[in-house]
Each structure stands twice: as C-alpha cells, then as structure tokens.
Amino acid sequence: MKKVDLKVQKLAHFRGDLPKYETGLASGFDVRAQIDKNILLKPGERALIPTGLAFSIPEGFEIQVRPRSGLA
C-alpha cells in the first residue's frame, strides 16, 4: 500500500493530541470536537463543529466525516 503524506495544522483553539491511526489495519482515525459546551442537534438539523485542525488534502484524495466509525 502506498503511504500518503497528510499535512495537518493545529489551529489556535486545538487541545490534545493529533489524531492518528490506532492500528495497522485502521482505515481512518478519530477527530474530536473542540467545543466548550454541549451541542444538541434536532433531527435533520446541521451544525459546523470545530476540530481545531486544518488538513492539506492531496490531489485525488478526500476526507470524510462520519458521526460514528461503526456507522460507516
């Protein structure tokens, strides 16, 4: 498998460790919300949730955000 260099920048409000693959066979990694209070979404409602990170996505690739890894 070809290794891809993904550049990640920590923004000013980022706290914690950078996301990483937890196992050799992992297809993705967890990114945590950088929020100070709970956010309640009603059915069908959307919101922008800050991660505190900026990604430089290589050409030909994409980043997907999913509510739970088990729901993919």
PDB file of N, CA and C in Angstrom:
ATOM      1  N   MET A   1       0.844  -1.184   0.000  1.00  0.00           N
ATOM      2  CA  MET A   1       0.000   0.000   0.000  1.00  0.00           C
ATOM      3  C   MET A   1       0.886   1.243   0.000  1.00  0.00           C
ATOM      4  N   LYS A   2       0.539   2.214  -0.832  1.00  0.00           N
ATOM      5  CA  LYS A   2       1.293   3.466  -0.922  1.00  0.00           C
ATOM      6  C   LYS A   2       0.966   4.346   0.288  1.00  0.00           C
ATOM      7  N   LYS A   3       1.989   4.894   0.906  1.00  0.00           N
ATOM      8  CA  LYS A   3       1.814   5.794   2.039  1.00  0.00           C
ATOM      9  C   LYS A   3       1.599   7.217   1.524  1.00  0.00           C
ATOM     10  N   VAL A   4       0.633   7.920   2.095  1.00  0.00           N
ATOM     11  CA  VAL A   4       0.304   9.281   1.677  1.00  0.00           C
ATOM     12  C   VAL A   4       0.696  10.240   2.791  1.00  0.00           C
ATOM     13  N   ASP A   5       1.342  11.329   2.432  1.00  0.00           N
ATOM     14  CA  ASP A   5       1.738  12.346   3.397  1.00  0.00           C
ATOM     15  C   ASP A   5       0.589  13.328   3.566  1.00  0.00           C
ATOM     16  N   LEU A   6      -0.050  13.313   4.736  1.00  0.00           N
ATOM     17  CA  LEU A   6      -1.173  14.213   5.027  1.00  0.00           C
ATOM     18  C   LEU A   6      -0.688  15.290   5.987  1.00  0.00           C
ATOM     19  N   LYS A   7      -0.682  16.524   5.526  1.00  0.00           N
ATOM     20  CA  LYS A   7      -0.231  17.625   6.370  1.00  0.00           C
ATOM     21  C   LYS A   7      -1.402  18.134   7.215  1.00  0.00           C
ATOM     22  N   VAL A   8      -1.157  18.288   8.514  1.00  0.00           N
ATOM     23  CA  VAL A   8      -2.177  18.730   9.457  1.00  0.00           C
ATOM     24  C   VAL A   8      -1.627  19.919  10.233  1.00  0.00           C
ATOM     25  N   GLN A   9      -2.442  20.972  10.338  1.00  0.00           N
ATOM     26  CA  GLN A   9      -2.046  22.160  11.101  1.00  0.00           C
ATOM     27  C   GLN A   9      -2.948  22.280  12.322  1.00  0.00           C
ATOM     28  N   LYS A  10      -2.340  22.457  13.507  1.00  0.00           N
ATOM     29  CA  LYS A  10      -3.109  22.726  14.725  1.00  0.00           C
ATOM     30  C   LYS A  10      -3.486  24.211  14.720  1.00  0.00           C
ATOM     31  N   LEU A  11      -4.766  24.495  14.896  1.00  0.00           N
ATOM     32  CA  LEU A  11      -5.229  25.875  14.987  1.00  0.00           C
ATOM     33  C   LEU A  11      -5.158  26.338  16.442  1.00  0.00           C
ATOM     34  N   ALA A  12      -5.353  27.625  16.663  1.00  0.00           N
ATOM     35  CA  ALA A  12      -5.166  28.210  17.995  1.00  0.00           C
ATOM     36  C   ALA A  12      -6.025  27.554  19.073  1.00  0.00           C
ATOM     37  N   HIS A  13      -7.233  27.105  18.743  1.00  0.00           N
ATOM     38  CA  HIS A  13      -8.128  26.540  19.759  1.00  0.00           C
ATOM     39  C   HIS A  13      -8.015  25.023  19.910  1.00  0.00           C
ATOM     40  N   PHE A  14      -7.016  24.404  19.279  1.00  0.00           N
ATOM     41  CA  PHE A  14      -6.847  22.954  19.372  1.00  0.00           C
ATOM     42  C   PHE A  14      -6.241  22.571  20.721  1.00  0.00           C
ATOM     43  N   ARG A  15      -6.820  21.521  21.324  1.00  0.00           N
ATOM     44  CA  ARG A  15      -6.297  20.963  22.575  1.00  0.00           C
ATOM     45  C   ARG A  15      -6.144  19.458  22.390  1.00  0.00           C
ATOM     46  N   GLY A  16      -5.138  18.883  22.997  1.00  0.00           N
ATOM     47  CA  GLY A  16      -4.977  17.435  22.936  1.00  0.00           C
ATOM     48  C   GLY A  16      -3.910  17.001  21.955  1.00  0.00           C
ATOM     49  N   ASP A  17      -3.994  15.723  21.571  1.00  0.00           N
ATOM     50  CA  ASP A  17      -3.022  15.126  20.661  1.00  0.00           C
ATOM     51  C   ASP A  17      -3.571  15.085  19.245  1.00  0.00           C
ATOM     52  N   LEU A  18      -2.674  15.105  18.280  1.00  0.00           N
ATOM     53  CA  LEU A  18      -3.097  14.970  16.890  1.00  0.00           C
ATOM     54  C   LEU A  18      -3.709  13.590  16.673  1.00  0.00           C
ATOM     55  N   PRO A  19      -4.712  13.493  15.796  1.00  0.00           N
ATOM     56  CA  PRO A  19      -5.292  12.183  15.509  1.00  0.00           C
ATOM     57  C   PRO A  19      -4.266  11.279  14.844  1.00  0.00           C
ATOM     58  N   LYS A  20      -4.418   9.968  15.077  1.00  0.00           N
ATOM     59  CA  LYS A  20      -3.510   9.002  14.471  1.00  0.00           C
ATOM     60  C   LYS A  20      -4.247   7.690  14.271  1.00  0.00           C
ATOM     61  N   TYR A  21      -3.727   6.861  13.388  1.00  0.00           N
ATOM     62  CA  TYR A  21      -4.273   5.529  13.186  1.00  0.00           C
ATOM     63  C   TYR A  21      -3.964   4.708  14.438  1.00  0.00           C
ATOM     64  N   GLU A  22      -4.956   4.047  14.988  1.00  0.00           N
ATOM     65  CA  GLU A  22      -4.764   3.291  16.219  1.00  0.00           C
ATOM     66  C   GLU A  22      -4.243   1.874  15.972  1.00  0.00           C
ATOM     67  N   THR A  23      -4.454   1.332  14.781  1.00  0.00           N
ATOM     68  CA  THR A  23      -3.942   0.007  14.438  1.00  0.00           C
ATOM     69  C   THR A  23      -3.410   0.038  13.011  1.00  0.00           C
ATOM     70  N   GLY A  24      -2.628  -0.962  12.655  1.00  0.00           N
ATOM     71  CA  GLY A  24      -2.056  -1.036  11.319  1.00  0.00           C
ATOM     72  C   GLY A  24      -3.088  -1.217  10.223  1.00  0.00           C
ATOM     73  N   LEU A  25      -4.241  -1.776  10.554  1.00  0.00           N
ATOM     74  CA  LEU A  25      -5.286  -2.014   9.552  1.00  0.00           C
ATOM     75  C   LEU A  25      -6.413  -0.974   9.593  1.00  0.00           C
ATOM     76  N   ALA A  26      -6.267   0.044  10.408  1.00  0.00           N
ATOM     77  CA  ALA A  26      -7.307   1.071  10.528  1.00  0.00           C
ATOM     78  C   ALA A  26      -7.473   1.810   9.202  1.00  0.00           C
ATOM     79  N   SER A  27      -8.718   2.113   8.836  1.00  0.00           N
ATOM     80  CA  SER A  27      -8.974   2.852   7.603  1.00  0.00           C
ATOM     81  C   SER A  27      -9.149   4.345   7.868  1.00  0.00           C
ATOM     82  N   GLY A  28      -9.147   4.747   9.104  1.00  0.00           N
ATOM     83  CA  GLY A  28      -9.313   6.159   9.445  1.00  0.00           C
ATOM     84  C   GLY A  28      -8.935   6.396  10.892  1.00  0.00           C
ATOM     85  N   PHE A  29      -9.086   7.641  11.316  1.00  0.00           N
ATOM     86  CA  PHE A  29      -8.786   7.969  12.703  1.00  0.00           C
ATOM     87  C   PHE A  29      -9.843   8.908  13.249  1.00  0.00           C
ATOM     88  N   ASP A  30      -9.935   8.976  14.578  1.00  0.00           N
ATOM     89  CA  ASP A  30     -10.935   9.808  15.244  1.00  0.00           C
ATOM     90  C   ASP A  30     -10.446  11.243  15.378  1.00  0.00           C
ATOM     91  N   VAL A  31     -11.318  12.180  15.061  1.00  0.00           N
ATOM     92  CA  VAL A  31     -11.072  13.605  15.259  1.00  0.00           C
ATOM     93  C   VAL A  31     -12.106  14.079  16.269  1.00  0.00           C
ATOM     94  N   ARG A  32     -11.657  14.754  17.308  1.00  0.00           N
ATOM     95  CA  ARG A  32     -12.563  15.176  18.372  1.00  0.00           C
ATOM     96  C   ARG A  32     -12.960  16.640  18.223  1.00  0.00           C
ATOM     97  N   ALA A  33     -14.201  16.916  18.587  1.00  0.00           N
ATOM     98  CA  ALA A  33     -14.708  18.291  18.542  1.00  0.00           C
ATOM     99  C   ALA A  33     -13.975  19.140  19.567  1.00  0.00           C
ATOM    100  N   GLN A  34     -13.700  20.358  19.213  1.00  0.00           N
ATOM    101  CA  GLN A  34     -13.056  21.317  20.112  1.00  0.00           C
ATOM    102  C   GLN A  34     -14.119  22.330  20.537  1.00  0.00           C
ATOM    103  N   ILE A  35     -14.950  21.925  21.500  1.00  0.00           N
ATOM    104  CA  ILE A  35     -16.065  22.766  21.952  1.00  0.00           C
ATOM    105  C   ILE A  35     -16.016  22.924  23.465  1.00  0.00           C
ATOM    106  N   ASP A  36     -16.611  24.013  23.957  1.00  0.00           N
ATOM    107  CA  ASP A  36     -16.647  24.300  25.390  1.00  0.00           C
ATOM    108  C   ASP A  36     -17.978  23.930  26.030  1.00  0.00           C
ATOM    109  N   LYS A  37     -19.009  23.694  25.209  1.00  0.00           N
ATOM    110  CA  LYS A  37     -20.320  23.335  25.758  1.00  0.00           C
ATOM    111  C   LYS A  37     -20.974  22.309  24.828  1.00  0.00           C
ATOM    112  N   ASN A  38     -21.920  21.566  25.348  1.00  0.00           N
ATOM    113  CA  ASN A  38     -22.628  20.565  24.553  1.00  0.00           C
ATOM    114  C   ASN A  38     -23.440  21.228  23.446  1.00  0.00           C
ATOM    115  N   ILE A  39     -23.573  20.520  22.339  1.00  0.00           N
ATOM    116  CA  ILE A  39     -24.382  20.988  21.215  1.00  0.00           C
ATOM    117  C   ILE A  39     -25.459  19.940  20.973  1.00  0.00           C
ATOM    118  N   LEU A  40     -26.710  20.358  20.990  1.00  0.00           N
ATOM    119  CA  LEU A  40     -27.836  19.455  20.770  1.00  0.00           C
ATOM    120  C   LEU A  40     -28.418  19.725  19.390  1.00  0.00           C
ATOM    121  N   LEU A  41     -28.411  18.702  18.542  1.00  0.00           N
ATOM    122  CA  LEU A  41     -28.970  18.821  17.202  1.00  0.00           C
ATOM    123  C   LEU A  41     -30.301  18.096  17.142  1.00  0.00           C
ATOM    124  N   LYS A  42     -31.300  18.755  16.594  1.00  0.00           N
ATOM    125  CA  LYS A  42     -32.606  18.144  16.379  1.00  0.00           C
ATOM    126  C   LYS A  42     -32.550  17.314  15.099  1.00  0.00           C
ATOM    127  N   PRO A  43     -33.458  16.364  14.917  1.00  0.00           N
ATOM    128  CA  PRO A  43     -33.450  15.545  13.703  1.00  0.00           C
ATOM    129  C   PRO A  43     -33.416  16.411  12.436  1.00  0.00           C
ATOM    130  N   GLY A  44     -32.484  16.100  11.540  1.00  0.00           N
ATOM    131  CA  GLY A  44     -32.349  16.835  10.289  1.00  0.00           C
ATOM    132  C   GLY A  44     -31.571  18.131  10.399  1.00  0.00           C
ATOM    133  N   GLU A  45     -31.234  18.552  11.601  1.00  0.00           N
ATOM    134  CA  GLU A  45     -30.505  19.803  11.800  1.00  0.00           C
ATOM    135  C   GLU A  45     -29.006  19.586  11.559  1.00  0.00           C
ATOM    136  N   ARG A  46     -28.334  20.609  11.102  1.00  0.00           N
ATOM    137  CA  ARG A  46     -26.899  20.555  10.838  1.00  0.00           C
ATOM    138  C   ARG A  46     -26.194  21.667  11.584  1.00  0.00           C
ATOM    139  N   ALA A  47     -24.910  21.447  11.843  1.00  0.00           N
ATOM    140  CA  ALA A  47     -24.103  22.470  12.504  1.00  0.00           C
ATOM    141  C   ALA A  47     -22.641  22.268  12.114  1.00  0.00           C
ATOM    142  N   LEU A  48     -21.899  23.345  12.096  1.00  0.00           N
ATOM    143  CA  LEU A  48     -20.451  23.262  11.902  1.00  0.00           C
ATOM    144  C   LEU A  48     -19.812  23.022  13.265  1.00  0.00           C
ATOM    145  N   ILE A  49     -19.024  21.975  13.364  1.00  0.00           N
ATOM    146  CA  ILE A  49     -18.385  21.624  14.623  1.00  0.00           C
ATOM    147  C   ILE A  49     -16.873  21.804  14.447  1.00  0.00           C
ATOM    148  N   PRO A  50     -16.261  22.693  15.230  1.00  0.00           N
ATOM    149  CA  PRO A  50     -14.832  22.947  15.058  1.00  0.00           C
ATOM    150  C   PRO A  50     -13.977  21.775  15.543  1.00  0.00           C
ATOM    151  N   THR A  51     -12.928  21.469  14.783  1.00  0.00           N
ATOM    152  CA  THR A  51     -12.000  20.409  15.171  1.00  0.00           C
ATOM    153  C   THR A  51     -10.671  20.974  15.678  1.00  0.00           C
ATOM    154  N   GLY A  52     -10.423  22.249  15.366  1.00  0.00           N
ATOM    155  CA  GLY A  52      -9.145  22.831  15.745  1.00  0.00           C
ATOM    156  C   GLY A  52      -8.009  22.408  14.825  1.00  0.00           C
ATOM    157  N   LEU A  53      -8.358  21.774  13.700  1.00  0.00           N
ATOM    158  CA  LEU A  53      -7.354  21.275  12.777  1.00  0.00           C
ATOM    159  C   LEU A  53      -7.641  21.742  11.358  1.00  0.00           C
ATOM    160  N   ALA A  54      -6.584  21.913  10.582  1.00  0.00           N
ATOM    161  CA  ALA A  54      -6.706  22.198   9.148  1.00  0.00           C
ATOM    162  C   ALA A  54      -5.890  21.143   8.417  1.00  0.00           C
ATOM    163  N   PHE A  55      -6.473  20.558   7.374  1.00  0.00           N
ATOM    164  CA  PHE A  55      -5.831  19.482   6.624  1.00  0.00           C
ATOM    165  C   PHE A  55      -5.495  19.942   5.210  1.00  0.00           C
ATOM    166  N   SER A  56      -4.326  19.568   4.733  1.00  0.00           N
ATOM    167  CA  SER A  56      -3.945  19.765   3.336  1.00  0.00           C
ATOM    168  C   SER A  56      -4.184  18.429   2.651  1.00  0.00           C
ATOM    169  N   ILE A  57      -5.244  18.342   1.863  1.00  0.00           N
ATOM    170  CA  ILE A  57      -5.669  17.076   1.270  1.00  0.00           C
ATOM    171  C   ILE A  57      -4.984  16.902  -0.082  1.00  0.00           C
ATOM    172  N   PRO A  58      -4.216  15.829  -0.248  1.00  0.00           N
ATOM    173  CA  PRO A  58      -3.531  15.604  -1.528  1.00  0.00           C
ATOM    174  C   PRO A  58      -4.529  15.429  -2.679  1.00  0.00           C
ATOM    175  N   GLU A  59      -4.123  15.828  -3.868  1.00  0.00           N
ATOM    176  CA  GLU A  59      -4.961  15.665  -5.051  1.00  0.00           C
ATOM    177  C   GLU A  59      -5.321  14.189  -5.231  1.00  0.00           C
ATOM    178  N   GLY A  60      -6.592  13.943  -5.529  1.00  0.00           N
ATOM    179  CA  GLY A  60      -7.060  12.576  -5.729  1.00  0.00           C
ATOM    180  C   GLY A  60      -7.554  11.905  -4.453  1.00  0.00           C
ATOM    181  N   PHE A  61      -7.538  12.622  -3.334  1.00  0.00           N
ATOM    182  CA  PHE A  61      -7.990  12.080  -2.061  1.00  0.00           C
ATOM    183  C   PHE A  61      -9.110  12.945  -1.496  1.00  0.00           C
ATOM    184  N   GLU A  62      -9.786  12.422  -0.486  1.00  0.00           N
ATOM    185  CA  GLU A  62     -10.853  13.160   0.193  1.00  0.00           C
ATOM    186  C   GLU A  62     -10.805  12.849   1.681  1.00  0.00           C
ATOM    187  N   ILE A  63     -11.444  13.687   2.460  1.00  0.00           N
ATOM    188  CA  ILE A  63     -11.629  13.436   3.886  1.00  0.00           C
ATOM    189  C   ILE A  63     -13.125  13.314   4.116  1.00  0.00           C
ATOM    190  N   GLN A  64     -13.521  12.290   4.848  1.00  0.00           N
ATOM    191  CA  GLN A  64     -14.928  12.087   5.172  1.00  0.00           C
ATOM    192  C   GLN A  64     -15.112  12.217   6.673  1.00  0.00           C
ATOM    193  N   VAL A  65     -16.197  12.857   7.067  1.00  0.00           N
ATOM    194  CA  VAL A  65     -16.551  12.978   8.473  1.00  0.00           C
ATOM    195  C   VAL A  65     -17.806  12.161   8.697  1.00  0.00           C
ATOM    196  N   ARG A  66     -17.750  11.276   9.674  1.00  0.00           N
ATOM    197  CA  ARG A  66     -18.890  10.403   9.971  1.00  0.00           C
ATOM    198  C   ARG A  66     -19.232  10.521  11.445  1.00  0.00           C
ATOM    199  N   PRO A  67     -20.517  10.354  11.783  1.00  0.00           N
ATOM    200  CA  PRO A  67     -20.918  10.545  13.177  1.00  0.00           C
ATOM    201  C   PRO A  67     -20.304   9.515  14.120  1.00  0.00           C
ATOM    202  N   ARG A  68     -20.145   8.291  13.669  1.00  0.00           N
ATOM    203  CA  ARG A  68     -19.539   7.216  14.459  1.00  0.00           C
ATOM    204  C   ARG A  68     -18.835   6.280  13.495  1.00  0.00           C
ATOM    205  N   SER A  69     -17.645   5.849  13.836  1.00  0.00           N
ATOM    206  CA  SER A  69     -16.896   4.988  12.909  1.00  0.00           C
ATOM    207  C   SER A  69     -17.649   3.690  12.610  1.00  0.00           C
ATOM    208  N   GLY A  70     -18.400   3.184  13.559  1.00  0.00           N
ATOM    209  CA  GLY A  70     -19.147   1.942  13.347  1.00  0.00           C
ATOM    210  C   GLY A  70     -20.339   2.092  12.404  1.00  0.00           C
ATOM    211  N   LEU A  71     -20.732   3.328  12.087  1.00  0.00           N
ATOM    212  CA  LEU A  71     -21.855   3.567  11.202  1.00  0.00           C
ATOM    213  C   LEU A  71     -21.429   3.704   9.745  1.00  0.00           C
ATOM    214  N   ALA A  72     -20.136   3.627   9.488  1.00  0.00           N
ATOM    215  CA  ALA A  72     -19.637   3.780   8.121  1.00  0.00           C
ATOM    216  C   ALA A  72     -20.067   2.576   7.318  1.00  0.00           C
TER     217      ALA A  72
END
